[in-house]
Amino acid sequence: MQAHEVIWDPYRGHREAHPLLEITFYTGMLKCLDIVEPYYPDRVLRQFGRVQTIPRNPYTPSRVRRVSDSKSYKVVYEYFDGLWQRWRDHVLADANRSTPVKFSYECTPEYLSWYQKITHPYVQHPDRVSAAVDSNEENHPLQQGTLDQWHS
Protein backbone atom coordinates (compact mmCIF):
# COMPACT_ATOMS: atom_id res chain seq x y z
CA MET A 1 0.00 0.00 0.00
CA GLN A 2 1.48 3.33 -1.05
CA ALA A 3 0.73 6.55 0.82
CA HIS A 4 -0.38 9.55 -1.22
CA GLU A 5 0.08 13.13 -0.17
CA VAL A 6 -2.84 15.48 -0.67
CA ILE A 7 -2.39 19.20 -0.25
CA TRP A 8 -5.60 21.17 -0.52
CA ASP A 9 -4.68 24.58 -1.93
CA PRO A 10 -7.44 25.73 -4.25
CA TYR A 11 -7.31 29.03 -6.09
CA ARG A 12 -3.57 29.50 -5.47
CA GLY A 13 -3.08 31.11 -8.87
CA HIS A 14 -6.10 33.41 -8.46
CA ARG A 15 -5.60 34.91 -4.99
CA GLU A 16 -4.14 38.19 -6.25
CA ALA A 17 -7.02 38.73 -8.68
CA HIS A 18 -9.63 37.63 -6.14
CA PRO A 19 -8.61 38.70 -2.63
CA LEU A 20 -10.59 37.41 0.32
CA LEU A 21 -13.39 39.74 1.29
CA GLU A 22 -14.12 40.44 4.94
CA ILE A 23 -17.35 38.44 4.73
CA THR A 24 -15.24 35.34 4.03
CA PHE A 25 -14.31 35.35 7.71
CA TYR A 26 -17.90 35.46 8.96
CA THR A 27 -18.31 32.79 11.62
CA GLY A 28 -21.72 31.69 12.78
CA MET A 29 -24.89 30.16 11.49
CA LEU A 30 -26.00 30.10 7.88
CA LYS A 31 -29.67 29.59 7.12
CA CYS A 32 -31.47 28.47 3.99
CA LEU A 33 -35.21 28.05 4.44
CA ASP A 34 -35.52 25.82 7.54
CA ILE A 35 -31.96 24.45 7.45
CA VAL A 36 -29.40 26.04 9.78
CA GLU A 37 -25.74 25.03 9.60
CA PRO A 38 -22.66 26.36 11.38
CA TYR A 39 -19.87 27.95 9.34
CA TYR A 40 -16.34 27.75 10.75
CA PRO A 41 -13.71 29.55 8.64
CA ASP A 42 -11.10 29.11 11.40
CA ARG A 43 -11.24 25.33 10.83
CA VAL A 44 -10.13 25.66 7.19
CA LEU A 45 -7.67 28.55 7.24
CA ARG A 46 -5.30 26.74 4.87
CA GLN A 47 -8.00 26.83 2.20
CA PHE A 48 -7.83 30.60 2.49
CA GLY A 49 -4.04 30.60 2.16
CA ARG A 50 -3.53 31.18 5.89
CA VAL A 51 -1.47 29.32 8.50
CA GLN A 52 -3.76 26.83 10.27
CA THR A 53 -4.27 27.50 13.98
CA ILE A 54 -6.24 25.63 16.62
CA PRO A 55 -9.88 26.49 15.94
CA ARG A 56 -12.27 27.33 18.68
CA ASN A 57 -14.79 24.77 19.84
CA PRO A 58 -17.76 24.10 17.59
CA TYR A 59 -21.19 25.48 18.40
CA THR A 60 -23.40 23.38 20.61
CA PRO A 61 -26.63 22.30 18.92
CA SER A 62 -29.88 23.33 20.59
CA ARG A 63 -31.12 19.75 20.19
CA VAL A 64 -30.35 16.47 18.51
CA ARG A 65 -33.06 13.99 17.69
CA ARG A 66 -33.35 10.63 15.98
CA VAL A 67 -35.31 10.48 12.77
CA SER A 68 -38.18 8.03 13.29
CA ASP A 69 -37.31 4.37 12.65
CA SER A 70 -33.78 5.21 11.58
CA LYS A 71 -30.21 5.17 12.80
CA SER A 72 -29.73 8.71 11.49
CA TYR A 73 -30.35 11.82 13.53
CA LYS A 74 -31.04 15.49 12.99
CA VAL A 75 -28.92 18.20 14.56
CA VAL A 76 -30.69 21.49 15.19
CA TYR A 77 -28.90 24.80 15.78
CA GLU A 78 -30.41 28.05 16.99
CA TYR A 79 -30.70 30.86 14.48
CA PHE A 80 -31.85 34.36 15.29
CA ASP A 81 -33.56 36.33 12.57
CA GLY A 82 -31.60 39.44 11.80
CA LEU A 83 -28.25 37.76 12.50
CA TRP A 84 -27.15 37.93 8.89
CA GLN A 85 -27.90 41.66 8.72
CA ARG A 86 -25.31 42.09 11.51
CA TRP A 87 -22.70 39.75 9.94
CA ARG A 88 -19.89 42.26 10.63
CA ASP A 89 -20.41 41.60 14.36
CA HIS A 90 -19.56 37.92 13.73
CA VAL A 91 -16.36 38.11 11.70
CA LEU A 92 -13.13 36.51 12.92
CA ALA A 93 -10.85 39.12 14.43
CA ASP A 94 -7.67 39.83 12.44
CA ALA A 95 -5.60 37.93 15.03
CA ASN A 96 -7.78 34.82 14.54
CA ARG A 97 -7.38 34.95 10.74
CA SER A 98 -3.74 33.94 11.15
CA THR A 99 -1.04 34.93 8.68
CA PRO A 100 -0.48 34.13 5.00
CA VAL A 101 1.26 30.81 4.35
CA LYS A 102 4.65 30.34 2.76
CA PHE A 103 3.92 26.62 2.19
CA SER A 104 0.41 25.23 1.70
CA TYR A 105 0.75 22.75 4.58
CA GLU A 106 1.76 25.32 7.22
CA CYS A 107 0.21 25.27 10.66
CA THR A 108 1.20 26.60 14.06
CA PRO A 109 3.43 24.31 16.18
CA GLU A 110 0.68 23.68 18.75
CA TYR A 111 -1.85 22.74 16.04
CA LEU A 112 -0.33 19.29 15.39
CA SER A 113 -0.37 18.40 19.10
CA TRP A 114 -4.01 19.47 19.31
CA TYR A 115 -4.90 17.60 16.12
CA GLN A 116 -3.28 14.42 17.40
CA LYS A 117 -5.60 14.47 20.40
CA ILE A 118 -8.86 14.99 18.50
CA THR A 119 -8.41 13.06 15.25
CA HIS A 120 -8.88 9.51 14.08
CA PRO A 121 -5.73 8.80 12.04
CA TYR A 122 -7.30 5.76 10.40
CA VAL A 123 -10.87 5.33 9.30
CA GLN A 124 -11.84 1.73 8.66
CA HIS A 125 -14.96 -0.36 8.60
CA PRO A 126 -15.00 -2.12 12.01
CA ASP A 127 -15.60 -5.51 10.37
CA ARG A 128 -12.68 -5.08 7.95
CA VAL A 129 -9.84 -3.85 10.14
CA SER A 130 -6.57 -4.18 8.26
CA ALA A 131 -3.59 -5.74 9.99
CA ALA A 132 -1.39 -3.52 7.75
CA VAL A 133 -2.43 -0.41 9.70
CA ASP A 134 -1.07 -0.04 13.20
CA SER A 135 -2.07 3.25 14.84
CA ASN A 136 0.48 2.60 17.60
CA GLU A 137 3.33 2.48 15.11
CA GLU A 138 6.17 4.66 16.42
CA ASN A 139 7.08 5.97 12.97
CA HIS A 140 3.58 7.14 12.14
CA PRO A 141 3.58 10.94 11.50
CA LEU A 142 0.87 11.56 14.10
CA GLN A 143 3.00 9.76 16.67
CA GLN A 144 6.04 11.86 15.75
CA GLY A 145 4.11 15.11 15.97
CA THR A 146 6.25 17.46 13.91
CA LEU A 147 5.45 18.99 10.56
CA ASP A 148 9.04 18.57 9.34
CA GLN A 149 8.74 14.81 9.64
CA TRP A 150 5.48 14.87 7.66
CA HIS A 151 7.05 16.67 4.70
CA SER A 152 10.71 15.70 4.73
C-alpha atoms as a PDB file:
ATOM      1  CA  MET A   1       0.000   0.000   0.000  1.00  0.00           C
ATOM      2  CA  GLN A   2       1.479   3.331  -1.045  1.00  0.00           C
ATOM      3  CA  ALA A   3       0.731   6.552   0.818  1.00  0.00           C
ATOM      4  CA  HIS A   4      -0.376   9.547  -1.217  1.00  0.00           C
ATOM      5  CA  GLU A   5       0.077  13.133  -0.171  1.00  0.00           C
ATOM      6  CA  VAL A   6      -2.838  15.476  -0.672  1.00  0.00           C
ATOM      7  CA  ILE A   7      -2.392  19.198  -0.250  1.00  0.00           C
ATOM      8  CA  TRP A   8      -5.602  21.170  -0.523  1.00  0.00           C
ATOM      9  CA  ASP A   9      -4.681  24.577  -1.931  1.00  0.00           C
ATOM     10  CA  PRO A  10      -7.445  25.729  -4.250  1.00  0.00           C
ATOM     11  CA  TYR A  11      -7.307  29.029  -6.087  1.00  0.00           C
ATOM     12  CA  ARG A  12      -3.569  29.497  -5.465  1.00  0.00           C
ATOM     13  CA  GLY A  13      -3.084  31.109  -8.870  1.00  0.00           C
ATOM     14  CA  HIS A  14      -6.099  33.405  -8.457  1.00  0.00           C
ATOM     15  CA  ARG A  15      -5.604  34.913  -4.992  1.00  0.00           C
ATOM     16  CA  GLU A  16      -4.143  38.193  -6.249  1.00  0.00           C
ATOM     17  CA  ALA A  17      -7.024  38.732  -8.681  1.00  0.00           C
ATOM     18  CA  HIS A  18      -9.631  37.629  -6.141  1.00  0.00           C
ATOM     19  CA  PRO A  19      -8.605  38.701  -2.632  1.00  0.00           C
ATOM     20  CA  LEU A  20     -10.586  37.413   0.321  1.00  0.00           C
ATOM     21  CA  LEU A  21     -13.389  39.735   1.293  1.00  0.00           C
ATOM     22  CA  GLU A  22     -14.118  40.435   4.942  1.00  0.00           C
ATOM     23  CA  ILE A  23     -17.350  38.439   4.725  1.00  0.00           C
ATOM     24  CA  THR A  24     -15.239  35.339   4.031  1.00  0.00           C
ATOM     25  CA  PHE A  25     -14.311  35.348   7.711  1.00  0.00           C
ATOM     26  CA  TYR A  26     -17.901  35.462   8.961  1.00  0.00           C
ATOM     27  CA  THR A  27     -18.313  32.792  11.616  1.00  0.00           C
ATOM     28  CA  GLY A  28     -21.715  31.688  12.784  1.00  0.00           C
ATOM     29  CA  MET A  29     -24.893  30.162  11.489  1.00  0.00           C
ATOM     30  CA  LEU A  30     -26.001  30.105   7.875  1.00  0.00           C
ATOM     31  CA  LYS A  31     -29.668  29.587   7.119  1.00  0.00           C
ATOM     32  CA  CYS A  32     -31.474  28.469   3.989  1.00  0.00           C
ATOM     33  CA  LEU A  33     -35.214  28.047   4.444  1.00  0.00           C
ATOM     34  CA  ASP A  34     -35.517  25.822   7.541  1.00  0.00           C
ATOM     35  CA  ILE A  35     -31.959  24.452   7.446  1.00  0.00           C
ATOM     36  CA  VAL A  36     -29.400  26.037   9.778  1.00  0.00           C
ATOM     37  CA  GLU A  37     -25.738  25.030   9.599  1.00  0.00           C
ATOM     38  CA  PRO A  38     -22.665  26.361  11.384  1.00  0.00           C
ATOM     39  CA  TYR A  39     -19.872  27.946   9.336  1.00  0.00           C
ATOM     40  CA  TYR A  40     -16.335  27.751  10.750  1.00  0.00           C
ATOM     41  CA  PRO A  41     -13.706  29.546   8.639  1.00  0.00           C
ATOM     42  CA  ASP A  42     -11.098  29.114  11.401  1.00  0.00           C
ATOM     43  CA  ARG A  43     -11.237  25.327  10.831  1.00  0.00           C
ATOM     44  CA  VAL A  44     -10.126  25.662   7.195  1.00  0.00           C
ATOM     45  CA  LEU A  45      -7.672  28.553   7.241  1.00  0.00           C
ATOM     46  CA  ARG A  46      -5.300  26.744   4.870  1.00  0.00           C
ATOM     47  CA  GLN A  47      -8.002  26.825   2.199  1.00  0.00           C
ATOM     48  CA  PHE A  48      -7.829  30.599   2.491  1.00  0.00           C
ATOM     49  CA  GLY A  49      -4.037  30.601   2.157  1.00  0.00           C
ATOM     50  CA  ARG A  50      -3.525  31.184   5.888  1.00  0.00           C
ATOM     51  CA  VAL A  51      -1.470  29.319   8.496  1.00  0.00           C
ATOM     52  CA  GLN A  52      -3.761  26.834  10.266  1.00  0.00           C
ATOM     53  CA  THR A  53      -4.266  27.499  13.977  1.00  0.00           C
ATOM     54  CA  ILE A  54      -6.236  25.633  16.620  1.00  0.00           C
ATOM     55  CA  PRO A  55      -9.877  26.487  15.935  1.00  0.00           C
ATOM     56  CA  ARG A  56     -12.273  27.333  18.681  1.00  0.00           C
ATOM     57  CA  ASN A  57     -14.785  24.773  19.841  1.00  0.00           C
ATOM     58  CA  PRO A  58     -17.762  24.098  17.588  1.00  0.00           C
ATOM     59  CA  TYR A  59     -21.187  25.483  18.399  1.00  0.00           C
ATOM     60  CA  THR A  60     -23.404  23.384  20.606  1.00  0.00           C
ATOM     61  CA  PRO A  61     -26.629  22.300  18.925  1.00  0.00           C
ATOM     62  CA  SER A  62     -29.876  23.326  20.586  1.00  0.00           C
ATOM     63  CA  ARG A  63     -31.124  19.754  20.187  1.00  0.00           C
ATOM     64  CA  VAL A  64     -30.351  16.468  18.507  1.00  0.00           C
ATOM     65  CA  ARG A  65     -33.060  13.985  17.693  1.00  0.00           C
ATOM     66  CA  ARG A  66     -33.354  10.633  15.983  1.00  0.00           C
ATOM     67  CA  VAL A  67     -35.307  10.479  12.775  1.00  0.00           C
ATOM     68  CA  SER A  68     -38.176   8.027  13.292  1.00  0.00           C
ATOM     69  CA  ASP A  69     -37.310   4.369  12.654  1.00  0.00           C
ATOM     70  CA  SER A  70     -33.777   5.208  11.583  1.00  0.00           C
ATOM     71  CA  LYS A  71     -30.208   5.168  12.800  1.00  0.00           C
ATOM     72  CA  SER A  72     -29.732   8.715  11.489  1.00  0.00           C
ATOM     73  CA  TYR A  73     -30.348  11.815  13.529  1.00  0.00           C
ATOM     74  CA  LYS A  74     -31.041  15.495  12.985  1.00  0.00           C
ATOM     75  CA  VAL A  75     -28.917  18.200  14.560  1.00  0.00           C
ATOM     76  CA  VAL A  76     -30.689  21.494  15.194  1.00  0.00           C
ATOM     77  CA  TYR A  77     -28.897  24.804  15.776  1.00  0.00           C
ATOM     78  CA  GLU A  78     -30.414  28.048  16.994  1.00  0.00           C
ATOM     79  CA  TYR A  79     -30.704  30.865  14.483  1.00  0.00           C
ATOM     80  CA  PHE A  80     -31.850  34.360  15.292  1.00  0.00           C
ATOM     81  CA  ASP A  81     -33.555  36.330  12.570  1.00  0.00           C
ATOM     82  CA  GLY A  82     -31.595  39.443  11.802  1.00  0.00           C
ATOM     83  CA  LEU A  83     -28.248  37.765  12.505  1.00  0.00           C
ATOM     84  CA  TRP A  84     -27.152  37.930   8.895  1.00  0.00           C
ATOM     85  CA  GLN A  85     -27.900  41.664   8.717  1.00  0.00           C
ATOM     86  CA  ARG A  86     -25.306  42.087  11.509  1.00  0.00           C
ATOM     87  CA  TRP A  87     -22.704  39.755   9.940  1.00  0.00           C
ATOM     88  CA  ARG A  88     -19.887  42.257  10.630  1.00  0.00           C
ATOM     89  CA  ASP A  89     -20.414  41.603  14.356  1.00  0.00           C
ATOM     90  CA  HIS A  90     -19.565  37.916  13.731  1.00  0.00           C
ATOM     91  CA  VAL A  91     -16.364  38.111  11.703  1.00  0.00           C
ATOM     92  CA  LEU A  92     -13.132  36.515  12.924  1.00  0.00           C
ATOM     93  CA  ALA A  93     -10.850  39.121  14.432  1.00  0.00           C
ATOM     94  CA  ASP A  94      -7.672  39.832  12.445  1.00  0.00           C
ATOM     95  CA  ALA A  95      -5.604  37.935  15.034  1.00  0.00           C
ATOM     96  CA  ASN A  96      -7.781  34.824  14.537  1.00  0.00           C
ATOM     97  CA  ARG A  97      -7.383  34.945  10.743  1.00  0.00           C
ATOM     98  CA  SER A  98      -3.744  33.935  11.147  1.00  0.00           C
ATOM     99  CA  THR A  99      -1.042  34.934   8.683  1.00  0.00           C
ATOM    100  CA  PRO A 100      -0.481  34.126   5.005  1.00  0.00           C
ATOM    101  CA  VAL A 101       1.256  30.810   4.345  1.00  0.00           C
ATOM    102  CA  LYS A 102       4.651  30.337   2.758  1.00  0.00           C
ATOM    103  CA  PHE A 103       3.923  26.625   2.189  1.00  0.00           C
ATOM    104  CA  SER A 104       0.410  25.228   1.698  1.00  0.00           C
ATOM    105  CA  TYR A 105       0.753  22.747   4.583  1.00  0.00           C
ATOM    106  CA  GLU A 106       1.761  25.321   7.219  1.00  0.00           C
ATOM    107  CA  CYS A 107       0.212  25.269  10.659  1.00  0.00           C
ATOM    108  CA  THR A 108       1.201  26.598  14.058  1.00  0.00           C
ATOM    109  CA  PRO A 109       3.429  24.311  16.179  1.00  0.00           C
ATOM    110  CA  GLU A 110       0.680  23.682  18.746  1.00  0.00           C
ATOM    111  CA  TYR A 111      -1.847  22.737  16.041  1.00  0.00           C
ATOM    112  CA  LEU A 112      -0.334  19.290  15.387  1.00  0.00           C
ATOM    113  CA  SER A 113      -0.368  18.396  19.096  1.00  0.00           C
ATOM    114  CA  TRP A 114      -4.006  19.473  19.309  1.00  0.00           C
ATOM    115  CA  TYR A 115      -4.899  17.600  16.119  1.00  0.00           C
ATOM    116  CA  GLN A 116      -3.276  14.418  17.402  1.00  0.00           C
ATOM    117  CA  LYS A 117      -5.603  14.475  20.404  1.00  0.00           C
ATOM    118  CA  ILE A 118      -8.858  14.990  18.496  1.00  0.00           C
ATOM    119  CA  THR A 119      -8.413  13.063  15.254  1.00  0.00           C
ATOM    120  CA  HIS A 120      -8.877   9.508  14.079  1.00  0.00           C
ATOM    121  CA  PRO A 121      -5.726   8.801  12.043  1.00  0.00           C
ATOM    122  CA  TYR A 122      -7.299   5.757  10.396  1.00  0.00           C
ATOM    123  CA  VAL A 123     -10.871   5.328   9.296  1.00  0.00           C
ATOM    124  CA  GLN A 124     -11.845   1.729   8.664  1.00  0.00           C
ATOM    125  CA  HIS A 125     -14.955  -0.364   8.597  1.00  0.00           C
ATOM    126  CA  PRO A 126     -15.003  -2.117  12.008  1.00  0.00           C
ATOM    127  CA  ASP A 127     -15.603  -5.507  10.373  1.00  0.00           C
ATOM    128  CA  ARG A 128     -12.684  -5.078   7.954  1.00  0.00           C
ATOM    129  CA  VAL A 129      -9.836  -3.847  10.137  1.00  0.00           C
ATOM    130  CA  SER A 130      -6.574  -4.175   8.261  1.00  0.00           C
ATOM    131  CA  ALA A 131      -3.586  -5.744   9.985  1.00  0.00           C
ATOM    132  CA  ALA A 132      -1.395  -3.521   7.751  1.00  0.00           C
ATOM    133  CA  VAL A 133      -2.432  -0.412   9.696  1.00  0.00           C
ATOM    134  CA  ASP A 134      -1.072  -0.042  13.195  1.00  0.00           C
ATOM    135  CA  SER A 135      -2.067   3.247  14.835  1.00  0.00           C
ATOM    136  CA  ASN A 136       0.475   2.604  17.604  1.00  0.00           C
ATOM    137  CA  GLU A 137       3.326   2.480  15.109  1.00  0.00           C
ATOM    138  CA  GLU A 138       6.168   4.660  16.419  1.00  0.00           C
ATOM    139  CA  ASN A 139       7.085   5.966  12.971  1.00  0.00           C
ATOM    140  CA  HIS A 140       3.579   7.141  12.138  1.00  0.00           C
ATOM    141  CA  PRO A 141       3.582  10.943  11.496  1.00  0.00           C
ATOM    142  CA  LEU A 142       0.874  11.555  14.095  1.00  0.00           C
ATOM    143  CA  GLN A 143       2.998   9.757  16.670  1.00  0.00           C
ATOM    144  CA  GLN A 144       6.040  11.861  15.751  1.00  0.00           C
ATOM    145  CA  GLY A 145       4.113  15.112  15.974  1.00  0.00           C
ATOM    146  CA  THR A 146       6.247  17.464  13.909  1.00  0.00           C
ATOM    147  CA  LEU A 147       5.447  18.988  10.556  1.00  0.00           C
ATOM    148  CA  ASP A 148       9.042  18.571   9.337  1.00  0.00           C
ATOM    149  CA  GLN A 149       8.735  14.811   9.637  1.00  0.00           C
ATOM    150  CA  TRP A 150       5.479  14.870   7.658  1.00  0.00           C
ATOM    151  CA  HIS A 151       7.049  16.669   4.701  1.00  0.00           C
ATOM    152  CA  SER A 152      10.715  15.705   4.732  1.00  0.00           C
END
